[in-house]
N, C-alpha and C. Protein backbone atom coordinates (compact mmCIF):
# COMPACT_ATOMS: atom_id res chain seq x y z
N MET A 1 -27.39 -19.68 50.19
CA MET A 1 -27.85 -18.83 51.28
C MET A 1 -28.87 -19.59 52.13
N ALA A 2 -28.78 -19.36 53.38
CA ALA A 2 -29.76 -19.93 54.30
C ALA A 2 -30.95 -18.98 54.41
N ALA A 3 -32.08 -19.52 54.76
CA ALA A 3 -33.28 -18.71 54.92
C ALA A 3 -33.07 -17.68 56.04
N PRO A 4 -33.46 -16.44 55.83
CA PRO A 4 -33.24 -15.39 56.83
C PRO A 4 -33.80 -15.74 58.23
N ARG A 5 -34.98 -16.32 58.25
CA ARG A 5 -35.57 -16.68 59.55
C ARG A 5 -34.73 -17.75 60.24
N PHE A 6 -34.20 -18.70 59.49
CA PHE A 6 -33.32 -19.73 60.05
C PHE A 6 -32.03 -19.09 60.57
N VAL A 7 -31.45 -18.19 59.81
CA VAL A 7 -30.21 -17.52 60.22
C VAL A 7 -30.42 -16.79 61.55
N GLU A 8 -31.52 -16.08 61.66
CA GLU A 8 -31.82 -15.36 62.90
C GLU A 8 -31.92 -16.33 64.08
N GLN A 9 -32.64 -17.42 63.90
CA GLN A 9 -32.80 -18.40 64.97
C GLN A 9 -31.49 -19.11 65.28
N LEU A 10 -30.68 -19.39 64.27
CA LEU A 10 -29.41 -20.06 64.52
C LEU A 10 -28.46 -19.14 65.28
N ASN A 11 -28.47 -17.86 64.98
CA ASN A 11 -27.66 -16.92 65.76
C ASN A 11 -28.11 -16.91 67.23
N GLU A 12 -29.39 -16.99 67.47
CA GLU A 12 -29.90 -17.08 68.84
C GLU A 12 -29.45 -18.39 69.49
N GLN A 13 -29.45 -19.47 68.71
CA GLN A 13 -29.04 -20.77 69.24
C GLN A 13 -27.55 -20.77 69.61
N ILE A 14 -26.76 -20.04 68.87
CA ILE A 14 -25.34 -19.93 69.22
C ILE A 14 -25.21 -19.40 70.64
N ASP A 15 -25.99 -18.37 70.96
CA ASP A 15 -25.97 -17.83 72.32
C ASP A 15 -26.45 -18.88 73.34
N ASN A 16 -27.48 -19.64 72.96
CA ASN A 16 -27.98 -20.69 73.86
C ASN A 16 -26.90 -21.73 74.13
N GLU A 17 -26.15 -22.09 73.10
CA GLU A 17 -25.08 -23.08 73.26
C GLU A 17 -23.96 -22.54 74.14
N PHE A 18 -23.60 -21.27 73.97
CA PHE A 18 -22.59 -20.67 74.84
C PHE A 18 -23.10 -20.57 76.28
N GLY A 19 -24.40 -20.31 76.44
CA GLY A 19 -24.99 -20.30 77.79
C GLY A 19 -24.94 -21.68 78.43
N ALA A 20 -25.20 -22.73 77.64
CA ALA A 20 -25.11 -24.11 78.14
C ALA A 20 -23.66 -24.43 78.52
N HIS A 21 -22.71 -23.95 77.71
CA HIS A 21 -21.29 -24.12 78.03
C HIS A 21 -20.99 -23.54 79.42
N GLN A 22 -21.42 -22.32 79.64
CA GLN A 22 -21.15 -21.66 80.92
C GLN A 22 -21.80 -22.43 82.08
N GLN A 23 -23.03 -22.90 81.87
CA GLN A 23 -23.71 -23.63 82.94
C GLN A 23 -22.98 -24.92 83.26
N TYR A 24 -22.49 -25.61 82.26
CA TYR A 24 -21.75 -26.84 82.52
C TYR A 24 -20.41 -26.58 83.20
N VAL A 25 -19.76 -25.47 82.90
CA VAL A 25 -18.54 -25.12 83.63
C VAL A 25 -18.88 -24.89 85.11
N ALA A 26 -19.97 -24.19 85.38
CA ALA A 26 -20.38 -23.94 86.76
C ALA A 26 -20.70 -25.25 87.49
N ILE A 27 -21.37 -26.16 86.81
CA ILE A 27 -21.68 -27.46 87.42
C ILE A 27 -20.39 -28.24 87.67
N ALA A 28 -19.49 -28.23 86.71
CA ALA A 28 -18.20 -28.93 86.87
C ALA A 28 -17.44 -28.37 88.07
N ALA A 29 -17.41 -27.06 88.20
CA ALA A 29 -16.70 -26.44 89.33
C ALA A 29 -17.33 -26.83 90.65
N TYR A 30 -18.66 -26.94 90.68
CA TYR A 30 -19.36 -27.38 91.90
C TYR A 30 -18.88 -28.77 92.31
N TYR A 31 -18.85 -29.70 91.35
CA TYR A 31 -18.40 -31.06 91.67
C TYR A 31 -16.91 -31.10 91.96
N ASP A 32 -16.14 -30.29 91.30
CA ASP A 32 -14.70 -30.21 91.59
C ASP A 32 -14.48 -29.78 93.04
N ALA A 33 -15.25 -28.82 93.50
CA ALA A 33 -15.13 -28.34 94.88
C ALA A 33 -15.50 -29.41 95.90
N LEU A 34 -16.35 -30.35 95.49
CA LEU A 34 -16.74 -31.46 96.37
C LEU A 34 -15.76 -32.63 96.28
N THR A 35 -14.70 -32.46 95.53
CA THR A 35 -13.71 -33.52 95.27
C THR A 35 -14.41 -34.74 94.67
N MET A 36 -15.16 -34.46 93.62
CA MET A 36 -15.80 -35.50 92.82
C MET A 36 -15.22 -35.39 91.41
N PRO A 37 -13.99 -35.87 91.20
CA PRO A 37 -13.30 -35.64 89.93
C PRO A 37 -13.98 -36.26 88.72
N GLN A 38 -14.66 -37.38 88.88
CA GLN A 38 -15.33 -37.99 87.73
C GLN A 38 -16.51 -37.13 87.27
N MET A 39 -17.30 -36.67 88.23
CA MET A 39 -18.43 -35.80 87.88
C MET A 39 -17.92 -34.48 87.31
N ALA A 40 -16.88 -33.93 87.90
CA ALA A 40 -16.31 -32.68 87.39
C ALA A 40 -15.83 -32.87 85.95
N ALA A 41 -15.10 -33.94 85.71
CA ALA A 41 -14.57 -34.19 84.36
C ALA A 41 -15.71 -34.37 83.35
N LEU A 42 -16.77 -35.06 83.76
CA LEU A 42 -17.91 -35.25 82.87
C LEU A 42 -18.49 -33.91 82.46
N PHE A 43 -18.68 -33.00 83.42
CA PHE A 43 -19.31 -31.73 83.09
C PHE A 43 -18.34 -30.75 82.43
N TYR A 44 -17.05 -30.84 82.72
CA TYR A 44 -16.09 -30.04 81.94
C TYR A 44 -16.13 -30.49 80.47
N SER A 45 -16.22 -31.79 80.27
CA SER A 45 -16.32 -32.33 78.92
C SER A 45 -17.61 -31.88 78.24
N GLN A 46 -18.70 -31.91 78.98
CA GLN A 46 -19.99 -31.43 78.44
C GLN A 46 -19.88 -29.97 78.04
N ALA A 47 -19.17 -29.18 78.84
CA ALA A 47 -19.00 -27.76 78.53
C ALA A 47 -18.29 -27.58 77.19
N ILE A 48 -17.25 -28.36 76.99
CA ILE A 48 -16.51 -28.29 75.73
C ILE A 48 -17.41 -28.67 74.56
N GLU A 49 -18.23 -29.70 74.75
CA GLU A 49 -19.16 -30.10 73.69
C GLU A 49 -20.10 -28.96 73.32
N GLU A 50 -20.64 -28.28 74.33
CA GLU A 50 -21.58 -27.19 74.06
C GLU A 50 -20.88 -26.04 73.34
N ARG A 51 -19.66 -25.73 73.73
CA ARG A 51 -18.88 -24.70 73.05
C ARG A 51 -18.66 -25.12 71.59
N ASP A 52 -18.32 -26.38 71.39
CA ASP A 52 -18.11 -26.86 70.02
C ASP A 52 -19.39 -26.79 69.20
N HIS A 53 -20.53 -27.07 69.83
CA HIS A 53 -21.80 -26.97 69.10
C HIS A 53 -22.00 -25.53 68.61
N ALA A 54 -21.73 -24.56 69.48
CA ALA A 54 -21.85 -23.16 69.08
C ALA A 54 -20.91 -22.87 67.91
N MET A 55 -19.69 -23.38 67.99
CA MET A 55 -18.72 -23.11 66.94
C MET A 55 -19.05 -23.83 65.63
N MET A 56 -19.74 -24.96 65.71
CA MET A 56 -20.22 -25.62 64.50
C MET A 56 -21.26 -24.73 63.81
N MET A 57 -22.09 -24.11 64.61
CA MET A 57 -23.12 -23.22 64.07
C MET A 57 -22.49 -21.97 63.47
N VAL A 58 -21.46 -21.45 64.13
CA VAL A 58 -20.72 -20.30 63.59
C VAL A 58 -20.16 -20.67 62.22
N LYS A 59 -19.51 -21.82 62.13
CA LYS A 59 -18.90 -22.26 60.86
C LYS A 59 -19.95 -22.42 59.78
N TYR A 60 -21.10 -22.99 60.13
CA TYR A 60 -22.16 -23.16 59.14
C TYR A 60 -22.59 -21.81 58.58
N LEU A 61 -22.80 -20.84 59.45
CA LEU A 61 -23.22 -19.52 58.98
C LEU A 61 -22.15 -18.88 58.11
N LEU A 62 -20.89 -19.02 58.52
CA LEU A 62 -19.81 -18.47 57.71
C LEU A 62 -19.75 -19.16 56.34
N ASP A 63 -19.87 -20.48 56.34
CA ASP A 63 -19.86 -21.22 55.07
C ASP A 63 -21.03 -20.85 54.17
N ALA A 64 -22.16 -20.47 54.78
CA ALA A 64 -23.35 -20.08 54.02
C ALA A 64 -23.31 -18.60 53.65
N ASP A 65 -22.20 -17.95 53.96
CA ASP A 65 -22.01 -16.53 53.67
C ASP A 65 -23.06 -15.67 54.37
N GLU A 66 -23.34 -16.04 55.62
CA GLU A 66 -24.30 -15.31 56.43
C GLU A 66 -23.58 -14.62 57.59
N SER A 67 -24.20 -13.62 58.16
CA SER A 67 -23.62 -12.90 59.28
C SER A 67 -23.74 -13.72 60.57
N VAL A 68 -22.67 -13.68 61.34
CA VAL A 68 -22.66 -14.31 62.67
C VAL A 68 -22.81 -13.21 63.69
N VAL A 69 -23.77 -13.37 64.59
CA VAL A 69 -24.01 -12.39 65.65
C VAL A 69 -23.86 -13.11 66.98
N ILE A 70 -22.83 -12.75 67.72
CA ILE A 70 -22.60 -13.35 69.03
C ILE A 70 -23.13 -12.39 70.08
N GLY A 71 -24.12 -12.86 70.83
CA GLY A 71 -24.71 -12.03 71.88
C GLY A 71 -24.17 -12.44 73.25
N GLY A 72 -24.76 -11.91 74.25
CA GLY A 72 -24.34 -12.24 75.61
C GLY A 72 -25.14 -13.40 76.16
N VAL A 73 -24.70 -13.89 77.29
CA VAL A 73 -25.42 -14.98 77.96
C VAL A 73 -25.66 -14.59 79.42
N ASP A 74 -26.72 -15.14 79.98
CA ASP A 74 -27.01 -14.92 81.40
C ASP A 74 -25.99 -15.67 82.24
N ALA A 75 -25.76 -15.16 83.44
CA ALA A 75 -24.86 -15.84 84.36
C ALA A 75 -25.44 -17.21 84.71
N PRO A 76 -24.59 -18.22 84.78
CA PRO A 76 -25.08 -19.56 85.11
C PRO A 76 -25.40 -19.67 86.61
N ARG A 77 -26.17 -20.65 86.92
CA ARG A 77 -26.44 -20.96 88.33
C ARG A 77 -25.21 -21.67 88.89
N CYS A 78 -24.75 -21.20 90.04
CA CYS A 78 -23.52 -21.74 90.63
C CYS A 78 -23.72 -22.39 91.99
N ASP A 79 -24.84 -22.13 92.63
CA ASP A 79 -25.05 -22.67 93.97
C ASP A 79 -26.11 -23.77 93.93
N PHE A 80 -25.78 -24.86 94.61
CA PHE A 80 -26.67 -26.02 94.64
C PHE A 80 -26.71 -26.54 96.08
N SER A 81 -27.85 -27.07 96.48
CA SER A 81 -27.99 -27.54 97.86
C SER A 81 -27.60 -29.00 98.03
N ASN A 82 -27.48 -29.73 96.91
CA ASN A 82 -27.09 -31.14 97.00
C ASN A 82 -26.57 -31.60 95.64
N VAL A 83 -26.06 -32.81 95.58
CA VAL A 83 -25.44 -33.31 94.34
C VAL A 83 -26.45 -33.64 93.24
N VAL A 84 -27.72 -33.70 93.59
CA VAL A 84 -28.74 -34.03 92.60
C VAL A 84 -29.13 -32.81 91.77
N GLU A 85 -29.21 -31.66 92.40
CA GLU A 85 -29.70 -30.45 91.73
C GLU A 85 -28.97 -30.10 90.43
N PRO A 86 -27.64 -30.17 90.39
CA PRO A 86 -26.97 -29.83 89.13
C PRO A 86 -27.34 -30.77 87.98
N VAL A 87 -27.54 -32.03 88.28
CA VAL A 87 -27.90 -32.98 87.23
C VAL A 87 -29.34 -32.74 86.78
N GLN A 88 -30.21 -32.40 87.72
CA GLN A 88 -31.59 -32.05 87.34
C GLN A 88 -31.57 -30.83 86.41
N LEU A 89 -30.76 -29.85 86.77
CA LEU A 89 -30.64 -28.66 85.94
C LEU A 89 -30.10 -29.00 84.56
N ALA A 90 -29.10 -29.88 84.51
CA ALA A 90 -28.52 -30.31 83.23
C ALA A 90 -29.56 -31.00 82.36
N LEU A 91 -30.39 -31.85 82.97
CA LEU A 91 -31.42 -32.53 82.19
C LEU A 91 -32.45 -31.54 81.65
N GLU A 92 -32.86 -30.59 82.49
CA GLU A 92 -33.79 -29.56 82.02
C GLU A 92 -33.18 -28.79 80.85
N GLN A 93 -31.89 -28.47 80.97
CA GLN A 93 -31.20 -27.75 79.91
C GLN A 93 -31.16 -28.56 78.63
N GLU A 94 -30.84 -29.85 78.72
CA GLU A 94 -30.78 -30.69 77.51
C GLU A 94 -32.15 -30.82 76.86
N LYS A 95 -33.20 -30.91 77.66
CA LYS A 95 -34.55 -30.98 77.09
C LYS A 95 -34.93 -29.67 76.40
N ARG A 96 -34.53 -28.56 77.00
CA ARG A 96 -34.79 -27.25 76.40
C ARG A 96 -34.02 -27.11 75.07
N VAL A 97 -32.77 -27.53 75.06
CA VAL A 97 -31.97 -27.47 73.83
C VAL A 97 -32.59 -28.36 72.76
N THR A 98 -33.11 -29.51 73.14
CA THR A 98 -33.79 -30.39 72.18
C THR A 98 -34.95 -29.66 71.52
N GLU A 99 -35.75 -28.96 72.32
CA GLU A 99 -36.86 -28.19 71.77
C GLU A 99 -36.36 -27.11 70.82
N GLN A 100 -35.25 -26.46 71.18
CA GLN A 100 -34.68 -25.41 70.33
C GLN A 100 -34.18 -25.98 69.00
N ILE A 101 -33.52 -27.12 69.07
CA ILE A 101 -33.01 -27.77 67.85
C ILE A 101 -34.17 -28.19 66.96
N ASN A 102 -35.20 -28.74 67.56
CA ASN A 102 -36.37 -29.14 66.78
C ASN A 102 -37.03 -27.93 66.13
N ALA A 103 -37.09 -26.81 66.84
CA ALA A 103 -37.68 -25.59 66.28
C ALA A 103 -36.85 -25.07 65.10
N LEU A 104 -35.54 -25.15 65.22
CA LEU A 104 -34.67 -24.75 64.11
C LEU A 104 -34.91 -25.63 62.89
N THR A 105 -35.02 -26.92 63.11
CA THR A 105 -35.27 -27.85 62.01
C THR A 105 -36.62 -27.56 61.36
N LYS A 106 -37.60 -27.30 62.19
CA LYS A 106 -38.94 -26.97 61.67
C LYS A 106 -38.89 -25.72 60.80
N THR A 107 -38.16 -24.71 61.26
CA THR A 107 -38.03 -23.48 60.48
C THR A 107 -37.35 -23.76 59.14
N ALA A 108 -36.27 -24.52 59.17
CA ALA A 108 -35.57 -24.85 57.92
C ALA A 108 -36.52 -25.53 56.94
N ARG A 109 -37.35 -26.43 57.43
CA ARG A 109 -38.28 -27.15 56.57
C ARG A 109 -39.38 -26.22 56.05
N GLU A 110 -39.91 -25.38 56.93
CA GLU A 110 -40.96 -24.45 56.51
C GLU A 110 -40.46 -23.48 55.44
N GLU A 111 -39.18 -23.15 55.50
CA GLU A 111 -38.58 -22.22 54.55
C GLU A 111 -37.99 -22.92 53.33
N SER A 112 -38.18 -24.24 53.24
CA SER A 112 -37.58 -25.05 52.17
C SER A 112 -36.07 -24.82 52.07
N ASP A 113 -35.45 -24.69 53.23
CA ASP A 113 -34.00 -24.48 53.34
C ASP A 113 -33.39 -25.86 53.59
N PHE A 114 -33.17 -26.59 52.52
CA PHE A 114 -32.76 -27.99 52.61
C PHE A 114 -31.37 -28.17 53.19
N ALA A 115 -30.47 -27.28 52.88
CA ALA A 115 -29.11 -27.38 53.44
C ALA A 115 -29.13 -27.19 54.95
N SER A 116 -29.91 -26.24 55.42
CA SER A 116 -30.00 -26.01 56.87
C SER A 116 -30.70 -27.17 57.56
N ASP A 117 -31.71 -27.71 56.89
CA ASP A 117 -32.39 -28.90 57.44
C ASP A 117 -31.39 -30.04 57.60
N GLN A 118 -30.59 -30.27 56.58
CA GLN A 118 -29.59 -31.34 56.64
C GLN A 118 -28.57 -31.06 57.74
N PHE A 119 -28.14 -29.83 57.90
CA PHE A 119 -27.20 -29.45 58.94
C PHE A 119 -27.74 -29.79 60.32
N MET A 120 -29.03 -29.59 60.53
CA MET A 120 -29.63 -29.79 61.86
C MET A 120 -29.78 -31.26 62.22
N GLN A 121 -29.73 -32.17 61.24
CA GLN A 121 -29.96 -33.59 61.53
C GLN A 121 -28.95 -34.15 62.53
N TRP A 122 -27.70 -33.75 62.45
CA TRP A 122 -26.69 -34.25 63.39
C TRP A 122 -27.04 -33.81 64.81
N PHE A 123 -27.53 -32.59 64.97
CA PHE A 123 -27.87 -32.06 66.28
C PHE A 123 -29.07 -32.81 66.89
N ILE A 124 -30.00 -33.21 66.04
CA ILE A 124 -31.14 -34.00 66.53
C ILE A 124 -30.65 -35.31 67.13
N LYS A 125 -29.78 -36.00 66.40
CA LYS A 125 -29.19 -37.26 66.91
C LYS A 125 -28.42 -37.02 68.20
N GLU A 126 -27.64 -35.96 68.23
CA GLU A 126 -26.84 -35.61 69.41
C GLU A 126 -27.73 -35.38 70.63
N GLN A 127 -28.85 -34.70 70.44
CA GLN A 127 -29.73 -34.42 71.58
C GLN A 127 -30.37 -35.68 72.14
N VAL A 128 -30.71 -36.63 71.28
CA VAL A 128 -31.25 -37.90 71.79
C VAL A 128 -30.23 -38.55 72.71
N GLU A 129 -28.97 -38.57 72.29
CA GLU A 129 -27.90 -39.16 73.10
C GLU A 129 -27.69 -38.39 74.40
N GLU A 130 -27.70 -37.07 74.32
CA GLU A 130 -27.44 -36.26 75.52
C GLU A 130 -28.55 -36.41 76.56
N VAL A 131 -29.80 -36.38 76.12
CA VAL A 131 -30.92 -36.54 77.07
C VAL A 131 -30.85 -37.91 77.72
N ALA A 132 -30.55 -38.94 76.95
CA ALA A 132 -30.45 -40.30 77.51
C ALA A 132 -29.33 -40.38 78.54
N LYS A 133 -28.16 -39.81 78.21
CA LYS A 133 -27.02 -39.87 79.12
C LYS A 133 -27.30 -39.15 80.43
N ILE A 134 -27.86 -37.95 80.35
CA ILE A 134 -28.12 -37.17 81.56
C ILE A 134 -29.28 -37.78 82.34
N SER A 135 -30.26 -38.37 81.66
CA SER A 135 -31.36 -39.06 82.37
C SER A 135 -30.83 -40.23 83.19
N ASP A 136 -29.94 -41.01 82.59
CA ASP A 136 -29.33 -42.12 83.33
C ASP A 136 -28.53 -41.61 84.51
N LEU A 137 -27.76 -40.55 84.29
CA LEU A 137 -26.96 -39.97 85.37
C LEU A 137 -27.85 -39.48 86.50
N LEU A 138 -28.96 -38.85 86.17
CA LEU A 138 -29.88 -38.37 87.20
C LEU A 138 -30.42 -39.53 88.03
N ALA A 139 -30.75 -40.63 87.39
CA ALA A 139 -31.25 -41.80 88.12
C ALA A 139 -30.21 -42.30 89.11
N VAL A 140 -28.96 -42.37 88.68
CA VAL A 140 -27.88 -42.87 89.54
C VAL A 140 -27.60 -41.89 90.67
N VAL A 141 -27.50 -40.62 90.35
CA VAL A 141 -27.19 -39.62 91.38
C VAL A 141 -28.34 -39.52 92.38
N SER A 142 -29.57 -39.60 91.94
CA SER A 142 -30.72 -39.56 92.85
C SER A 142 -30.71 -40.76 93.79
N ARG A 143 -30.41 -41.91 93.24
CA ARG A 143 -30.39 -43.14 94.02
C ARG A 143 -29.23 -43.17 95.01
N SER A 144 -28.12 -42.56 94.65
CA SER A 144 -26.89 -42.65 95.46
C SER A 144 -26.46 -41.30 96.01
N LYS A 145 -27.40 -40.39 96.22
CA LYS A 145 -27.06 -39.02 96.59
C LYS A 145 -26.24 -38.89 97.87
N ASP A 146 -26.28 -39.88 98.72
CA ASP A 146 -25.50 -39.84 99.96
C ASP A 146 -24.21 -40.65 99.87
N ASP A 147 -23.93 -41.20 98.72
CA ASP A 147 -22.74 -42.03 98.52
C ASP A 147 -21.96 -41.53 97.30
N TYR A 148 -21.15 -40.50 97.54
CA TYR A 148 -20.41 -39.87 96.44
C TYR A 148 -19.50 -40.87 95.73
N GLU A 149 -18.91 -41.77 96.48
CA GLU A 149 -18.01 -42.74 95.86
C GLU A 149 -18.75 -43.65 94.88
N ARG A 150 -19.97 -44.01 95.22
CA ARG A 150 -20.76 -44.85 94.31
C ARG A 150 -21.07 -44.10 93.01
N ILE A 151 -21.39 -42.82 93.14
CA ILE A 151 -21.64 -42.00 91.96
C ILE A 151 -20.38 -41.94 91.10
N GLU A 152 -19.26 -41.64 91.75
CA GLU A 152 -17.99 -41.52 91.04
C GLU A 152 -17.62 -42.83 90.34
N ASP A 153 -17.84 -43.96 91.03
CA ASP A 153 -17.54 -45.26 90.43
C ASP A 153 -18.40 -45.51 89.20
N TRP A 154 -19.68 -45.17 89.29
CA TRP A 154 -20.58 -45.39 88.16
C TRP A 154 -20.15 -44.54 86.96
N VAL A 155 -19.86 -43.27 87.22
CA VAL A 155 -19.44 -42.38 86.12
C VAL A 155 -18.17 -42.90 85.48
N ALA A 156 -17.20 -43.32 86.31
CA ALA A 156 -15.93 -43.83 85.77
C ALA A 156 -16.16 -45.08 84.93
N ARG A 157 -17.11 -45.91 85.34
CA ARG A 157 -17.36 -47.17 84.66
C ARG A 157 -18.27 -47.02 83.44
N GLU A 158 -19.28 -46.19 83.53
CA GLU A 158 -20.34 -46.17 82.53
C GLU A 158 -20.30 -45.02 81.54
N VAL A 159 -19.70 -43.92 81.92
CA VAL A 159 -19.70 -42.75 81.05
C VAL A 159 -18.32 -42.61 80.45
N GLN A 160 -18.17 -43.20 79.29
CA GLN A 160 -16.90 -43.13 78.60
C GLN A 160 -16.87 -41.92 77.67
N SER A 161 -15.71 -41.35 77.57
CA SER A 161 -15.52 -40.28 76.61
C SER A 161 -15.60 -40.89 75.22
N GLN A 162 -16.44 -40.31 74.40
CA GLN A 162 -16.56 -40.79 73.03
C GLN A 162 -15.61 -39.96 72.18
N GLY A 163 -14.88 -40.59 71.35
CA GLY A 163 -13.93 -39.89 70.49
C GLY A 163 -14.64 -38.93 69.56
N THR A 164 -13.95 -38.46 68.60
CA THR A 164 -14.49 -37.54 67.63
C THR A 164 -15.50 -38.27 66.74
N ASP A 165 -16.64 -37.65 66.56
CA ASP A 165 -17.68 -38.19 65.68
C ASP A 165 -17.38 -37.72 64.25
N PRO A 166 -17.04 -38.64 63.37
CA PRO A 166 -16.69 -38.22 62.00
C PRO A 166 -17.87 -37.62 61.24
N THR A 167 -19.08 -37.81 61.74
CA THR A 167 -20.24 -37.23 61.05
C THR A 167 -20.59 -35.84 61.58
N ALA A 168 -19.88 -35.38 62.62
CA ALA A 168 -20.17 -34.08 63.22
C ALA A 168 -19.81 -32.96 62.26
N PRO A 169 -20.59 -31.88 62.29
CA PRO A 169 -20.23 -30.71 61.48
C PRO A 169 -18.88 -30.15 61.92
N ALA A 170 -18.22 -29.46 61.02
CA ALA A 170 -16.92 -28.86 61.33
C ALA A 170 -17.09 -27.74 62.36
N VAL A 171 -16.06 -27.58 63.19
CA VAL A 171 -16.03 -26.55 64.23
C VAL A 171 -15.21 -25.36 63.70
N ALA A 172 -15.76 -24.18 63.81
CA ALA A 172 -15.03 -22.98 63.37
C ALA A 172 -13.75 -22.85 64.18
N GLY A 173 -12.66 -22.57 63.49
CA GLY A 173 -11.38 -22.37 64.16
C GLY A 173 -10.61 -23.63 64.45
N ALA A 174 -11.20 -24.78 64.13
CA ALA A 174 -10.50 -26.05 64.43
C ALA A 174 -9.60 -26.47 63.29
């Protein structure tokens, strides 16, 4: 069994991950409408990752014989005044998720919930990678905000889809 306080926070995090999924779909659609297929594909892929993170958490709770509570999410932001704003929003979101993941890990440790602590370690590593990737993207998009082709070329060249991580937790329903 997982610690009750951890279970409560993880159920909240599932909603946060689904909210991040929705925000990334909205960002992807924004870039798709601008005919920026590389940026759109990047954020559609990010959306899938966030959905999978939520489903990893669902599976963990199910495996721990705990209740899964799926709540609602706020509507994502869909309107942006330039190509930089969505990436700034994405970076803010990734930093916020990092704080949430760290708080979950802290709770697991405070509750001596060693299995939950171990479960969270993969997410800590993932957040370091995500913040770095979006930070780099923000630098490029800010520098090239008036040259969409340059942004698209950089994304095509530098942001490769990473295959399946064999160390990732299992996804519910997969």
